[in-house]
PDB file of all heavy atoms in Angstrom:
ATOM      1  N   LEU A   1       5.382  -8.707  10.335  1.00  0.00           N
ATOM      2  CA  LEU A   1       4.761  -8.827  11.637  1.00  0.00           C
ATOM      3  C   LEU A   1       5.295  -7.802  12.546  1.00  0.00           C
ATOM      4  O   LEU A   1       6.525  -7.585  12.652  1.00  0.00           O
ATOM      5  CB  LEU A   1       5.035 -10.227  12.196  1.00  0.00           C
ATOM      6  CG  LEU A   1       4.638 -10.416  13.619  1.00  0.00           C
ATOM      7  CD1 LEU A   1       3.122 -10.436  13.752  1.00  0.00           C
ATOM      8  CD2 LEU A   1       5.122 -11.833  14.144  1.00  0.00           C
ATOM      9  N   VAL A   2       4.358  -7.077  13.221  1.00  0.00           N
ATOM     10  CA  VAL A   2       4.818  -6.060  14.094  1.00  0.00           C
ATOM     11  C   VAL A   2       3.911  -6.018  15.331  1.00  0.00           C
ATOM     12  O   VAL A   2       2.714  -6.378  15.295  1.00  0.00           O
ATOM     13  CB  VAL A   2       4.784  -4.666  13.440  1.00  0.00           C
ATOM     14  CG1 VAL A   2       3.370  -4.246  12.953  1.00  0.00           C
ATOM     15  CG2 VAL A   2       5.408  -3.466  14.195  1.00  0.00           C
ATOM     16  N   GLN A   3       4.483  -5.631  16.430  1.00  0.00           N
ATOM     17  CA  GLN A   3       3.669  -5.561  17.747  1.00  0.00           C
ATOM     18  C   GLN A   3       2.813  -4.268  17.736  1.00  0.00           C
ATOM     19  O   GLN A   3       3.055  -3.294  17.035  1.00  0.00           O
ATOM     20  CB  GLN A   3       4.582  -5.454  18.947  1.00  0.00           C
ATOM     21  CG  GLN A   3       5.374  -6.723  19.115  1.00  0.00           C
ATOM     22  CD  GLN A   3       6.095  -6.847  20.438  1.00  0.00           C
ATOM     23  OE1 GLN A   3       6.387  -5.736  21.095  1.00  0.00           O
ATOM     24  NE2 GLN A   3       6.552  -7.935  20.875  1.00  0.00           N
ATOM     25  N   PRO A   4       1.728  -4.346  18.472  1.00  0.00           N
ATOM     26  CA  PRO A   4       0.890  -3.168  18.559  1.00  0.00           C
ATOM     27  C   PRO A   4       1.629  -1.928  19.042  1.00  0.00           C
ATOM     28  O   PRO A   4       2.587  -2.041  19.933  1.00  0.00           O
ATOM     29  CB  PRO A   4      -0.203  -3.524  19.578  1.00  0.00           C
ATOM     30  CG  PRO A   4      -0.296  -5.032  19.424  1.00  0.00           C
ATOM     31  CD  PRO A   4       1.056  -5.547  19.160  1.00  0.00           C
ATOM     32  N   GLY A   5       1.440  -0.810  18.377  1.00  0.00           N
ATOM     33  CA  GLY A   5       2.199   0.445  18.742  1.00  0.00           C
ATOM     34  C   GLY A   5       3.430   0.574  17.868  1.00  0.00           C
ATOM     35  O   GLY A   5       4.011   1.639  17.864  1.00  0.00           O
ATOM     36  N   GLY A   6       3.779  -0.460  17.087  1.00  0.00           N
ATOM     37  CA  GLY A   6       4.980  -0.381  16.220  1.00  0.00           C
ATOM     38  C   GLY A   6       4.705   0.300  14.917  1.00  0.00           C
ATOM     39  O   GLY A   6       3.612   0.787  14.650  1.00  0.00           O
ATOM     40  N   SER A   7       5.699   0.312  14.088  1.00  0.00           N
ATOM     41  CA  SER A   7       5.665   1.027  12.852  1.00  0.00           C
ATOM     42  C   SER A   7       6.171   0.137  11.630  1.00  0.00           C
ATOM     43  O   SER A   7       7.017  -0.746  11.904  1.00  0.00           O
ATOM     44  CB  SER A   7       6.525   2.309  12.851  1.00  0.00           C
ATOM     45  OG  SER A   7       6.087   3.161  13.866  1.00  0.00           O
ATOM     46  N   LEU A   8       5.744   0.382  10.455  1.00  0.00           N
ATOM     47  CA  LEU A   8       6.164  -0.223   9.305  1.00  0.00           C
ATOM     48  C   LEU A   8       6.079   0.860   8.195  1.00  0.00           C
ATOM     49  O   LEU A   8       5.237   1.779   8.264  1.00  0.00           O
ATOM     50  CB  LEU A   8       5.310  -1.404   8.854  1.00  0.00           C
ATOM     51  CG  LEU A   8       5.410  -2.773   9.593  1.00  0.00           C
ATOM     52  CD1 LEU A   8       4.398  -3.736   9.082  1.00  0.00           C
ATOM     53  CD2 LEU A   8       6.858  -3.346   9.453  1.00  0.00           C
ATOM     54  N   ARG A   9       6.959   0.691   7.132  1.00  0.00           N
ATOM     55  CA  ARG A   9       6.887   1.545   5.938  1.00  0.00           C
ATOM     56  C   ARG A   9       6.621   0.684   4.738  1.00  0.00           C
ATOM     57  O   ARG A   9       7.572  -0.187   4.427  1.00  0.00           O
ATOM     58  CB  ARG A   9       7.978   2.447   5.812  1.00  0.00           C
ATOM     59  CG  ARG A   9       7.827   3.443   4.692  1.00  0.00           C
ATOM     60  CD  ARG A   9       8.925   4.500   4.481  1.00  0.00           C
ATOM     61  NE  ARG A   9       9.976   3.974   3.709  1.00  0.00           N
ATOM     62  CZ  ARG A   9      10.855   4.714   3.012  1.00  0.00           C
ATOM     63  NH1 ARG A   9      10.652   6.035   3.002  1.00  0.00           N
ATOM     64  NH2 ARG A   9      11.838   4.237   2.416  1.00  0.00           N
ATOM     65  N   LEU A  10       5.525   0.809   4.049  1.00  0.00           N
ATOM     66  CA  LEU A  10       5.247   0.118   2.806  1.00  0.00           C
ATOM     67  C   LEU A  10       5.753   0.875   1.679  1.00  0.00           C
ATOM     68  O   LEU A  10       5.653   2.124   1.688  1.00  0.00           O
ATOM     69  CB  LEU A  10       3.763  -0.256   2.644  1.00  0.00           C
ATOM     70  CG  LEU A  10       3.072  -0.906   3.806  1.00  0.00           C
ATOM     71  CD1 LEU A  10       1.584  -1.245   3.470  1.00  0.00           C
ATOM     72  CD2 LEU A  10       3.849  -2.251   4.145  1.00  0.00           C
ATOM     73  N   SER A  11       6.288   0.197   0.751  1.00  0.00           N
ATOM     74  CA  SER A  11       6.777   0.834  -0.559  1.00  0.00           C
ATOM     75  C   SER A  11       5.979   0.175  -1.690  1.00  0.00           C
ATOM     76  O   SER A  11       5.777  -1.038  -1.773  1.00  0.00           O
ATOM     77  CB  SER A  11       8.232   0.678  -0.707  1.00  0.00           C
ATOM     78  OG  SER A  11       8.971   1.238   0.242  1.00  0.00           O
ATOM     79  N   CYS A  12       5.717   0.864  -2.791  1.00  0.00           N
ATOM     80  CA  CYS A  12       5.145   0.363  -3.975  1.00  0.00           C
ATOM     81  C   CYS A  12       5.973   0.995  -5.118  1.00  0.00           C
ATOM     82  O   CYS A  12       5.847   2.184  -5.370  1.00  0.00           O
ATOM     83  CB  CYS A  12       3.738   0.806  -4.091  1.00  0.00           C
ATOM     84  SG  CYS A  12       2.978   0.414  -5.701  1.00  0.00           S
ATOM     85  N   ALA A  13       6.717   0.139  -5.790  1.00  0.00           N
ATOM     86  CA  ALA A  13       7.586   0.541  -6.952  1.00  0.00           C
ATOM     87  C   ALA A  13       6.769   0.350  -8.214  1.00  0.00           C
ATOM     88  O   ALA A  13       6.237  -0.769  -8.493  1.00  0.00           O
ATOM     89  CB  ALA A  13       8.861  -0.181  -6.921  1.00  0.00           C
ATOM     90  N   ALA A  14       6.791   1.337  -9.095  1.00  0.00           N
ATOM     91  CA  ALA A  14       6.037   1.213 -10.347  1.00  0.00           C
ATOM     92  C   ALA A  14       7.046   1.198 -11.539  1.00  0.00           C
ATOM     93  O   ALA A  14       8.017   1.956 -11.492  1.00  0.00           O
ATOM     94  CB  ALA A  14       5.113   2.405 -10.496  1.00  0.00           C
ATOM     95  N   SER A  15       6.718   0.364 -12.559  1.00  0.00           N
ATOM     96  CA  SER A  15       7.487   0.312 -13.758  1.00  0.00           C
ATOM     97  C   SER A  15       6.905   1.428 -14.669  1.00  0.00           C
ATOM     98  O   SER A  15       5.810   1.902 -14.437  1.00  0.00           O
ATOM     99  CB  SER A  15       7.485  -1.001 -14.431  1.00  0.00           C
ATOM    100  OG  SER A  15       6.087  -1.298 -14.745  1.00  0.00           O
ATOM    101  N   GLY A  16       7.587   1.779 -15.737  1.00  0.00           N
ATOM    102  CA  GLY A  16       7.039   2.698 -16.713  1.00  0.00           C
ATOM    103  C   GLY A  16       7.391   4.098 -16.572  1.00  0.00           C
ATOM    104  O   GLY A  16       7.930   4.464 -15.460  1.00  0.00           O
ATOM    105  N   SER A  17       7.128   4.971 -17.513  1.00  0.00           N
ATOM    106  CA  SER A  17       7.613   6.336 -17.508  1.00  0.00           C
ATOM    107  C   SER A  17       6.530   7.289 -17.202  1.00  0.00           C
ATOM    108  O   SER A  17       6.876   8.524 -17.177  1.00  0.00           O
ATOM    109  CB  SER A  17       8.235   6.693 -18.870  1.00  0.00           C
ATOM    110  OG  SER A  17       7.333   6.469 -19.851  1.00  0.00           O
ATOM    111  N   ARG A  18       5.255   6.865 -16.927  1.00  0.00           N
ATOM    112  CA  ARG A  18       4.170   7.855 -16.720  1.00  0.00           C
ATOM    113  C   ARG A  18       3.709   7.795 -15.313  1.00  0.00           C
ATOM    114  O   ARG A  18       2.653   8.188 -15.089  1.00  0.00           O
ATOM    115  CB  ARG A  18       3.029   7.500 -17.691  1.00  0.00           C
ATOM    116  CG  ARG A  18       3.506   7.421 -19.177  1.00  0.00           C
ATOM    117  CD  ARG A  18       2.295   7.128 -20.058  1.00  0.00           C
ATOM    118  NE  ARG A  18       1.311   8.118 -20.026  1.00  0.00           N
ATOM    119  CZ  ARG A  18      -0.003   7.897 -20.122  1.00  0.00           C
ATOM    120  NH1 ARG A  18      -0.472   6.704 -20.207  1.00  0.00           N
ATOM    121  NH2 ARG A  18      -0.922   8.882 -20.140  1.00  0.00           N
ATOM    122  N   PHE A  19       4.621   7.446 -14.389  1.00  0.00           N
ATOM    123  CA  PHE A  19       4.189   7.321 -12.994  1.00  0.00           C
ATOM    124  C   PHE A  19       3.569   8.580 -12.481  1.00  0.00           C
ATOM    125  O   PHE A  19       2.591   8.567 -11.698  1.00  0.00           O
ATOM    126  CB  PHE A  19       5.349   6.881 -12.165  1.00  0.00           C
ATOM    127  CG  PHE A  19       5.112   6.898 -10.604  1.00  0.00           C
ATOM    128  CD1 PHE A  19       4.428   5.766 -10.099  1.00  0.00           C
ATOM    129  CD2 PHE A  19       5.548   7.934  -9.858  1.00  0.00           C
ATOM    130  CE1 PHE A  19       4.204   5.695  -8.722  1.00  0.00           C
ATOM    131  CE2 PHE A  19       5.305   7.873  -8.483  1.00  0.00           C
ATOM    132  CZ  PHE A  19       4.589   6.828  -7.953  1.00  0.00           C
ATOM    133  N   SER A  20       4.172   9.757 -12.802  1.00  0.00           N
ATOM    134  CA  SER A  20       3.763  11.019 -12.249  1.00  0.00           C
ATOM    135  C   SER A  20       2.374  11.437 -12.550  1.00  0.00           C
ATOM    136  O   SER A  20       1.749  12.169 -11.808  1.00  0.00           O
ATOM    137  CB  SER A  20       4.776  12.098 -12.616  1.00  0.00           C
ATOM    138  OG  SER A  20       4.607  12.348 -14.021  1.00  0.00           O
ATOM    139  N   ILE A  21       1.764  10.895 -13.593  1.00  0.00           N
ATOM    140  CA  ILE A  21       0.381  11.286 -13.924  1.00  0.00           C
ATOM    141  C   ILE A  21      -0.621  10.522 -13.225  1.00  0.00           C
ATOM    142  O   ILE A  21      -1.864  10.804 -13.226  1.00  0.00           O
ATOM    143  CB  ILE A  21       0.153  11.212 -15.461  1.00  0.00           C
ATOM    144  CG1 ILE A  21      -0.002   9.702 -15.911  1.00  0.00           C
ATOM    145  CG2 ILE A  21       1.282  11.971 -16.218  1.00  0.00           C
ATOM    146  CD1 ILE A  21      -0.581   9.618 -17.263  1.00  0.00           C
ATOM    147  N   TYR A  22      -0.268   9.385 -12.573  1.00  0.00           N
ATOM    148  CA  TYR A  22      -1.237   8.526 -11.918  1.00  0.00           C
ATOM    149  C   TYR A  22      -1.587   8.946 -10.527  1.00  0.00           C
ATOM    150  O   TYR A  22      -0.680   9.425  -9.775  1.00  0.00           O
ATOM    151  CB  TYR A  22      -0.674   7.081 -11.870  1.00  0.00           C
ATOM    152  CG  TYR A  22      -0.644   6.335 -13.304  1.00  0.00           C
ATOM    153  CD1 TYR A  22       0.571   6.093 -13.790  1.00  0.00           C
ATOM    154  CD2 TYR A  22      -1.840   6.107 -13.934  1.00  0.00           C
ATOM    155  CE1 TYR A  22       0.707   5.497 -14.993  1.00  0.00           C
ATOM    156  CE2 TYR A  22      -1.666   5.452 -15.197  1.00  0.00           C
ATOM    157  CZ  TYR A  22      -0.446   5.183 -15.762  1.00  0.00           C
ATOM    158  OH  TYR A  22      -0.418   4.563 -16.937  1.00  0.00           O
ATOM    159  N   ALA A  23      -2.804   8.817 -10.176  1.00  0.00           N
ATOM    160  CA  ALA A  23      -3.194   8.867  -8.762  1.00  0.00           C
ATOM    161  C   ALA A  23      -2.821   7.495  -8.144  1.00  0.00           C
ATOM    162  O   ALA A  23      -3.061   6.434  -8.786  1.00  0.00           O
ATOM    163  CB  ALA A  23      -4.683   9.100  -8.577  1.00  0.00           C
ATOM    164  N   MET A  24      -2.202   7.571  -6.960  1.00  0.00           N
ATOM    165  CA  MET A  24      -1.818   6.310  -6.336  1.00  0.00           C
ATOM    166  C   MET A  24      -2.553   6.122  -5.037  1.00  0.00           C
ATOM    167  O   MET A  24      -2.810   7.074  -4.246  1.00  0.00           O
ATOM    168  CB  MET A  24      -0.325   6.357  -6.036  1.00  0.00           C
ATOM    169  CG  MET A  24       0.565   6.611  -7.300  1.00  0.00           C
ATOM    170  SD  MET A  24       0.456   5.255  -8.412  1.00  0.00           S
ATOM    171  CE  MET A  24       1.052   3.914  -7.425  1.00  0.00           C
ATOM    172  N   GLY A  25      -2.876   4.886  -4.839  1.00  0.00           N
ATOM    173  CA  GLY A  25      -3.673   4.616  -3.553  1.00  0.00           C
ATOM    174  C   GLY A  25      -3.094   3.337  -2.868  1.00  0.00           C
ATOM    175  O   GLY A  25      -2.620   2.451  -3.479  1.00  0.00           O
ATOM    176  N   TRP A  26      -3.297   3.295  -1.552  1.00  0.00           N
ATOM    177  CA  TRP A  26      -3.067   2.174  -0.720  1.00  0.00           C
ATOM    178  C   TRP A  26      -4.393   1.664  -0.256  1.00  0.00           C
ATOM    179  O   TRP A  26      -5.247   2.471   0.334  1.00  0.00           O
ATOM    180  CB  TRP A  26      -2.140   2.441   0.375  1.00  0.00           C
ATOM    181  CG  TRP A  26      -0.677   2.591   0.104  1.00  0.00           C
ATOM    182  CD1 TRP A  26      -0.040   3.671  -0.115  1.00  0.00           C
ATOM    183  CD2 TRP A  26       0.189   1.506  -0.143  1.00  0.00           C
ATOM    184  NE1 TRP A  26       1.245   3.368  -0.365  1.00  0.00           N
ATOM    185  CE2 TRP A  26       1.407   2.021  -0.451  1.00  0.00           C
ATOM    186  CE3 TRP A  26       0.075   0.085  -0.060  1.00  0.00           C
ATOM    187  CZ2 TRP A  26       2.585   1.304  -0.700  1.00  0.00           C
ATOM    188  CZ3 TRP A  26       1.191  -0.632  -0.365  1.00  0.00           C
ATOM    189  CH2 TRP A  26       2.451  -0.038  -0.665  1.00  0.00           C
ATOM    190  N   TYR A  27      -4.728   0.371  -0.468  1.00  0.00           N
ATOM    191  CA  TYR A  27      -5.963  -0.256  -0.073  1.00  0.00           C
ATOM    192  C   TYR A  27      -5.554  -1.412   0.874  1.00  0.00           C
ATOM    193  O   TYR A  27      -4.420  -1.861   0.850  1.00  0.00           O
ATOM    194  CB  TYR A  27      -6.729  -0.772  -1.220  1.00  0.00           C
ATOM    195  CG  TYR A  27      -7.416   0.272  -2.138  1.00  0.00           C
ATOM    196  CD1 TYR A  27      -6.516   1.045  -2.942  1.00  0.00           C
ATOM    197  CD2 TYR A  27      -8.739   0.487  -2.149  1.00  0.00           C
ATOM    198  CE1 TYR A  27      -7.079   2.019  -3.764  1.00  0.00           C
ATOM    199  CE2 TYR A  27      -9.301   1.450  -2.931  1.00  0.00           C
ATOM    200  CZ  TYR A  27      -8.484   2.162  -3.810  1.00  0.00           C
ATOM    201  OH  TYR A  27      -9.052   3.192  -4.611  1.00  0.00           O
ATOM    202  N   ARG A  28      -6.514  -1.871   1.654  1.00  0.00           N
ATOM    203  CA  ARG A  28      -6.262  -3.104   2.416  1.00  0.00           C
ATOM    204  C   ARG A  28      -7.552  -3.922   2.549  1.00  0.00           C
ATOM    205  O   ARG A  28      -8.608  -3.490   2.327  1.00  0.00           O
ATOM    206  CB  ARG A  28      -5.818  -2.669   3.816  1.00  0.00           C
ATOM    207  CG  ARG A  28      -6.906  -1.919   4.685  1.00  0.00           C
ATOM    208  CD  ARG A  28      -6.319  -1.510   5.988  1.00  0.00           C
ATOM    209  NE  ARG A  28      -7.304  -0.791   6.845  1.00  0.00           N
ATOM    210  CZ  ARG A  28      -6.994  -0.187   7.999  1.00  0.00           C
ATOM    211  NH1 ARG A  28      -5.675  -0.127   8.444  1.00  0.00           N
ATOM    212  NH2 ARG A  28      -7.903   0.445   8.689  1.00  0.00           N
ATOM    213  N   GLN A  29      -7.263  -5.193   2.728  1.00  0.00           N
ATOM    214  CA  GLN A  29      -8.317  -6.200   2.762  1.00  0.00           C
ATOM    215  C   GLN A  29      -8.045  -7.180   3.906  1.00  0.00           C
ATOM    216  O   GLN A  29      -7.076  -7.888   3.807  1.00  0.00           O
ATOM    217  CB  GLN A  29      -8.590  -6.899   1.437  1.00  0.00           C
ATOM    218  CG  GLN A  29      -9.742  -7.828   1.489  1.00  0.00           C
ATOM    219  CD  GLN A  29     -10.131  -8.253   0.028  1.00  0.00           C
ATOM    220  OE1 GLN A  29      -9.341  -8.222  -0.896  1.00  0.00           O
ATOM    221  NE2 GLN A  29     -11.387  -8.688  -0.113  1.00  0.00           N
ATOM    222  N   ALA A  30      -8.807  -7.164   4.911  1.00  0.00           N
ATOM    223  CA  ALA A  30      -8.754  -8.098   6.034  1.00  0.00           C
ATOM    224  C   ALA A  30      -9.615  -9.341   5.676  1.00  0.00           C
ATOM    225  O   ALA A  30     -10.530  -9.272   4.828  1.00  0.00           O
ATOM    226  CB  ALA A  30      -9.250  -7.455   7.330  1.00  0.00           C
ATOM    227  N   PRO A  31      -9.313 -10.419   6.349  1.00  0.00           N
ATOM    228  CA  PRO A  31     -10.055 -11.645   6.072  1.00  0.00           C
ATOM    229  C   PRO A  31     -11.565 -11.462   6.180  1.00  0.00           C
ATOM    230  O   PRO A  31     -11.990 -10.832   7.197  1.00  0.00           O
ATOM    231  CB  PRO A  31      -9.473 -12.632   7.146  1.00  0.00           C
ATOM    232  CG  PRO A  31      -8.153 -12.199   7.438  1.00  0.00           C
ATOM    233  CD  PRO A  31      -8.233 -10.678   7.263  1.00  0.00           C
ATOM    234  N   GLU A  32     -12.336 -11.922   5.259  1.00  0.00           N
ATOM    235  CA  GLU A  32     -13.814 -11.826   5.239  1.00  0.00           C
ATOM    236  C   GLU A  32     -14.319 -10.360   5.238  1.00  0.00           C
ATOM    237  O   GLU A  32     -15.572 -10.110   5.607  1.00  0.00           O
ATOM    238  CB  GLU A  32     -14.344 -12.590   6.420  1.00  0.00           C
ATOM    239  CG  GLU A  32     -14.008 -14.090   6.377  1.00  0.00           C
ATOM    240  CD  GLU A  32     -14.620 -14.913   7.557  1.00  0.00           C
ATOM    241  OE1 GLU A  32     -15.337 -14.336   8.322  1.00  0.00           O
ATOM    242  OE2 GLU A  32     -14.393 -16.095   7.580  1.00  0.00           O
ATOM    243  N   LYS A  33     -13.507  -9.441   4.847  1.00  0.00           N
ATOM    244  CA  LYS A  33     -13.943  -8.051   4.709  1.00  0.00           C
ATOM    245  C   LYS A  33     -13.602  -7.559   3.287  1.00  0.00           C
ATOM    246  O   LYS A  33     -12.863  -8.075   2.611  1.00  0.00           O
ATOM    247  CB  LYS A  33     -13.210  -7.190   5.773  1.00  0.00           C
ATOM    248  CG  LYS A  33     -13.662  -7.477   7.182  1.00  0.00           C
ATOM    249  CD  LYS A  33     -13.071  -6.370   8.158  1.00  0.00           C
ATOM    250  CE  LYS A  33     -13.590  -6.658   9.580  1.00  0.00           C
ATOM    251  NZ  LYS A  33     -13.040  -5.555  10.527  1.00  0.00           N
ATOM    252  N   GLN A  34     -14.343  -6.511   2.932  1.00  0.00           N
ATOM    253  CA  GLN A  34     -14.251  -5.876   1.641  1.00  0.00           C
ATOM    254  C   GLN A  34     -12.917  -5.112   1.687  1.00  0.00           C
ATOM    255  O   GLN A  34     -12.460  -4.554   2.677  1.00  0.00           O
ATOM    256  CB  GLN A  34     -15.392  -4.976   1.279  1.00  0.00           C
ATOM    257  CG  GLN A  34     -16.697  -5.747   0.940  1.00  0.00           C
ATOM    258  CD  GLN A  34     -17.746  -4.860   0.395  1.00  0.00           C
ATOM    259  OE1 GLN A  34     -17.775  -3.684   0.672  1.00  0.00           O
ATOM    260  NE2 GLN A  34     -18.665  -5.481  -0.384  1.00  0.00           N
ATOM    261  N   ARG A  35     -12.361  -4.952   0.518  1.00  0.00           N
ATOM    262  CA  ARG A  35     -11.121  -4.130   0.286  1.00  0.00           C
ATOM    263  C   ARG A  35     -11.589  -2.656   0.532  1.00  0.00           C
ATOM    264  O   ARG A  35     -12.615  -2.180  -0.018  1.00  0.00           O
ATOM    265  CB  ARG A  35     -10.526  -4.294  -1.068  1.00  0.00           C
ATOM    266  CG  ARG A  35      -9.227  -3.642  -1.322  1.00  0.00           C
ATOM    267  CD  ARG A  35      -8.617  -4.037  -2.693  1.00  0.00           C
ATOM    268  NE  ARG A  35      -8.426  -5.480  -2.787  1.00  0.00           N
ATOM    269  CZ  ARG A  35      -7.708  -5.999  -3.789  1.00  0.00           C
ATOM    270  NH1 ARG A  35      -7.234  -5.264  -4.777  1.00  0.00           N
ATOM    271  NH2 ARG A  35      -7.594  -7.299  -3.853  1.00  0.00           N
TER     272      ARG A  35
END
């Protein structure tokens, strides 16, 4: 939870040894909306 104007840093840790070959993306889904 953050106030408007604030900041957050999301992290996504991956297992496995082939991480570097993958394209990585951040998606979001709000209530009653498409991802």
